[in-house]
Amino acid sequence: MRLSDFWRLMDDEFGAGYSRTLASSLVLAEVGGVTAVDALNRGTPPRAVWLAICNIQDVPPERRLGKDLPPKEQ
């Protein structure tokens, strides 16, 4: 997962404003007891951070892959 995908998933699930607040304030035990922003800055893979957020926020499995996006036109 790319960092841009992480932020898209965060915005889709929690809203653009709240996702940034959540990422900078919620401490995630699964990624070393730091916030999502700190974990990403330390080099933790975005997927691991996303799944840690999903677990602590009780995001249902069917929403963990995000919204279906239309295919890009070529």
N, C-alpha and C. Protein backbone atom coordinates (compact mmCIF):
# COMPACT_ATOMS: atom_id res chain seq x y z
N MET A 1 0.84 -1.18 0.00
CA MET A 1 0.00 0.00 0.00
C MET A 1 0.89 1.24 0.00
N ARG A 2 0.53 2.17 -0.85
CA ARG A 2 1.26 3.45 -0.88
C ARG A 2 0.69 4.39 0.17
N LEU A 3 1.47 5.39 0.51
CA LEU A 3 1.03 6.39 1.48
C LEU A 3 -0.21 7.12 0.99
N SER A 4 -0.27 7.39 -0.30
CA SER A 4 -1.46 8.06 -0.85
C SER A 4 -2.71 7.20 -0.68
N ASP A 5 -2.56 5.88 -0.81
CA ASP A 5 -3.69 4.98 -0.60
C ASP A 5 -4.13 5.02 0.87
N PHE A 6 -3.16 5.06 1.78
CA PHE A 6 -3.47 5.15 3.20
C PHE A 6 -4.35 6.37 3.47
N TRP A 7 -3.94 7.54 2.97
CA TRP A 7 -4.71 8.75 3.24
C TRP A 7 -6.06 8.74 2.54
N ARG A 8 -6.16 8.12 1.37
CA ARG A 8 -7.46 8.00 0.70
C ARG A 8 -8.40 7.14 1.54
N LEU A 9 -7.89 6.02 2.05
CA LEU A 9 -8.71 5.16 2.91
C LEU A 9 -9.14 5.89 4.18
N MET A 10 -8.20 6.62 4.78
CA MET A 10 -8.52 7.37 5.99
C MET A 10 -9.62 8.40 5.71
N ASP A 11 -9.47 9.15 4.62
CA ASP A 11 -10.46 10.17 4.28
C ASP A 11 -11.82 9.55 3.95
N ASP A 12 -11.81 8.44 3.23
CA ASP A 12 -13.06 7.77 2.88
C ASP A 12 -13.79 7.27 4.13
N GLU A 13 -13.05 6.74 5.07
CA GLU A 13 -13.67 6.13 6.25
C GLU A 13 -14.04 7.16 7.31
N PHE A 14 -13.18 8.14 7.55
CA PHE A 14 -13.38 9.04 8.68
C PHE A 14 -13.66 10.49 8.30
N GLY A 15 -13.56 10.82 7.02
CA GLY A 15 -13.73 12.20 6.59
C GLY A 15 -12.38 12.90 6.55
N ALA A 16 -12.25 13.84 5.64
CA ALA A 16 -10.96 14.50 5.41
C ALA A 16 -10.44 15.23 6.64
N GLY A 17 -11.29 15.91 7.37
CA GLY A 17 -10.83 16.65 8.54
C GLY A 17 -10.50 15.75 9.72
N TYR A 18 -11.42 14.85 10.04
CA TYR A 18 -11.22 14.00 11.21
C TYR A 18 -10.09 13.00 11.02
N SER A 19 -9.87 12.56 9.79
CA SER A 19 -8.82 11.56 9.55
C SER A 19 -7.45 12.08 9.97
N ARG A 20 -7.19 13.37 9.73
CA ARG A 20 -5.90 13.96 10.11
C ARG A 20 -5.78 14.07 11.63
N THR A 21 -6.88 14.44 12.29
CA THR A 21 -6.88 14.52 13.76
C THR A 21 -6.67 13.14 14.36
N LEU A 22 -7.38 12.16 13.84
CA LEU A 22 -7.25 10.79 14.32
C LEU A 22 -5.83 10.28 14.15
N ALA A 23 -5.26 10.52 12.98
CA ALA A 23 -3.91 10.02 12.68
C ALA A 23 -2.85 10.67 13.56
N SER A 24 -3.10 11.87 14.03
CA SER A 24 -2.09 12.55 14.83
C SER A 24 -2.33 12.46 16.33
N SER A 25 -3.46 11.89 16.75
CA SER A 25 -3.73 11.85 18.19
C SER A 25 -3.99 10.46 18.75
N LEU A 26 -4.48 9.52 17.95
CA LEU A 26 -4.79 8.19 18.43
C LEU A 26 -3.52 7.35 18.54
N VAL A 27 -3.23 6.84 19.74
CA VAL A 27 -2.04 6.02 19.95
C VAL A 27 -2.39 4.57 19.62
N LEU A 28 -1.55 3.96 18.80
CA LEU A 28 -1.79 2.61 18.29
C LEU A 28 -0.79 1.62 18.88
N ALA A 29 -1.24 0.78 19.78
CA ALA A 29 -0.36 -0.21 20.40
C ALA A 29 0.23 -1.17 19.37
N GLU A 30 -0.54 -1.49 18.34
CA GLU A 30 -0.09 -2.47 17.33
C GLU A 30 1.13 -2.03 16.54
N VAL A 31 1.40 -0.74 16.52
CA VAL A 31 2.55 -0.24 15.76
C VAL A 31 3.56 0.45 16.66
N GLY A 32 3.63 -0.01 17.90
CA GLY A 32 4.67 0.49 18.79
C GLY A 32 4.24 1.55 19.80
N GLY A 33 2.94 1.73 19.98
CA GLY A 33 2.47 2.69 20.96
C GLY A 33 2.68 4.13 20.57
N VAL A 34 2.59 4.40 19.28
CA VAL A 34 2.74 5.77 18.76
C VAL A 34 1.52 6.07 17.88
N THR A 35 1.40 7.33 17.48
CA THR A 35 0.30 7.71 16.59
C THR A 35 0.57 7.20 15.17
N ALA A 36 -0.45 7.24 14.34
CA ALA A 36 -0.29 6.82 12.95
C ALA A 36 0.75 7.68 12.24
N VAL A 37 0.70 8.98 12.47
CA VAL A 37 1.67 9.88 11.83
C VAL A 37 3.09 9.53 12.27
N ASP A 38 3.28 9.30 13.57
CA ASP A 38 4.61 8.93 14.06
C ASP A 38 5.07 7.60 13.48
N ALA A 39 4.15 6.64 13.42
CA ALA A 39 4.50 5.32 12.88
C ALA A 39 4.91 5.43 11.41
N LEU A 40 4.17 6.21 10.64
CA LEU A 40 4.51 6.38 9.23
C LEU A 40 5.86 7.08 9.08
N ASN A 41 6.09 8.08 9.91
CA ASN A 41 7.38 8.79 9.86
C ASN A 41 8.54 7.90 10.25
N ARG A 42 8.28 6.89 11.06
CA ARG A 42 9.32 5.93 11.47
C ARG A 42 9.55 4.84 10.43
N GLY A 43 8.74 4.83 9.40
CA GLY A 43 8.91 3.84 8.34
C GLY A 43 8.02 2.62 8.44
N THR A 44 7.04 2.64 9.35
CA THR A 44 6.09 1.54 9.44
C THR A 44 5.27 1.51 8.15
N PRO A 45 5.09 0.34 7.56
CA PRO A 45 4.32 0.27 6.31
C PRO A 45 2.91 0.83 6.50
N PRO A 46 2.44 1.63 5.55
CA PRO A 46 1.10 2.21 5.65
C PRO A 46 0.00 1.17 5.87
N ARG A 47 0.15 0.00 5.28
CA ARG A 47 -0.88 -1.05 5.46
C ARG A 47 -0.97 -1.47 6.92
N ALA A 48 0.17 -1.62 7.60
CA ALA A 48 0.16 -2.01 9.01
C ALA A 48 -0.50 -0.92 9.86
N VAL A 49 -0.25 0.32 9.53
CA VAL A 49 -0.85 1.44 10.27
C VAL A 49 -2.36 1.46 10.02
N TRP A 50 -2.75 1.30 8.77
CA TRP A 50 -4.17 1.28 8.42
C TRP A 50 -4.90 0.17 9.17
N LEU A 51 -4.34 -1.02 9.18
CA LEU A 51 -4.99 -2.14 9.86
C LEU A 51 -5.06 -1.91 11.37
N ALA A 52 -4.05 -1.30 11.94
CA ALA A 52 -4.08 -0.98 13.37
C ALA A 52 -5.21 0.00 13.67
N ILE A 53 -5.38 1.00 12.81
CA ILE A 53 -6.47 1.95 12.99
C ILE A 53 -7.81 1.24 12.85
N CYS A 54 -7.94 0.39 11.84
CA CYS A 54 -9.18 -0.35 11.64
C CYS A 54 -9.53 -1.18 12.87
N ASN A 55 -8.52 -1.83 13.45
CA ASN A 55 -8.77 -2.67 14.61
C ASN A 55 -9.24 -1.87 15.82
N ILE A 56 -8.57 -0.78 16.10
CA ILE A 56 -8.91 0.00 17.29
C ILE A 56 -10.21 0.79 17.10
N GLN A 57 -10.55 1.14 15.87
CA GLN A 57 -11.77 1.90 15.58
C GLN A 57 -12.94 1.00 15.17
N ASP A 58 -12.73 -0.31 15.20
CA ASP A 58 -13.78 -1.28 14.84
C ASP A 58 -14.35 -1.06 13.43
N VAL A 59 -13.46 -0.78 12.49
CA VAL A 59 -13.90 -0.67 11.09
C VAL A 59 -14.23 -2.09 10.61
N PRO A 60 -15.44 -2.31 10.12
CA PRO A 60 -15.83 -3.65 9.67
C PRO A 60 -14.94 -4.14 8.52
N PRO A 61 -14.71 -5.45 8.48
CA PRO A 61 -13.85 -6.00 7.42
C PRO A 61 -14.26 -5.60 6.01
N GLU A 62 -15.55 -5.47 5.76
CA GLU A 62 -16.00 -5.15 4.40
C GLU A 62 -15.67 -3.71 3.99
N ARG A 63 -15.26 -2.86 4.93
CA ARG A 63 -14.88 -1.49 4.59
C ARG A 63 -13.38 -1.25 4.67
N ARG A 64 -12.62 -2.27 4.98
CA ARG A 64 -11.17 -2.07 5.15
C ARG A 64 -10.42 -1.93 3.83
N LEU A 65 -11.04 -2.28 2.74
CA LEU A 65 -10.41 -2.11 1.43
C LEU A 65 -10.80 -0.79 0.79
N GLY A 66 -11.68 -0.04 1.43
CA GLY A 66 -12.08 1.25 0.91
C GLY A 66 -13.22 1.15 -0.08
N LYS A 67 -13.59 2.30 -0.61
CA LYS A 67 -14.67 2.38 -1.59
C LYS A 67 -14.17 1.85 -2.93
N ASP A 68 -15.10 1.29 -3.68
CA ASP A 68 -14.77 0.88 -5.04
C ASP A 68 -14.53 2.13 -5.88
N LEU A 69 -13.42 2.16 -6.55
CA LEU A 69 -13.09 3.28 -7.43
C LEU A 69 -13.30 2.86 -8.87
N PRO A 70 -13.81 3.78 -9.68
CA PRO A 70 -13.93 3.44 -11.10
C PRO A 70 -12.55 3.27 -11.72
N PRO A 71 -12.45 2.39 -12.72
CA PRO A 71 -11.15 2.20 -13.37
C PRO A 71 -10.69 3.48 -14.05
N LYS A 72 -9.38 3.70 -14.06
CA LYS A 72 -8.81 4.88 -14.73
C LYS A 72 -8.90 4.69 -16.23
N GLU A 73 -9.30 5.75 -16.91
CA GLU A 73 -9.33 5.69 -18.38
C GLU A 73 -7.92 5.87 -18.90
N GLN A 74 -7.66 5.18 -19.97
CA GLN A 74 -6.30 5.25 -20.55
C GLN A 74 -6.29 5.94 -21.86
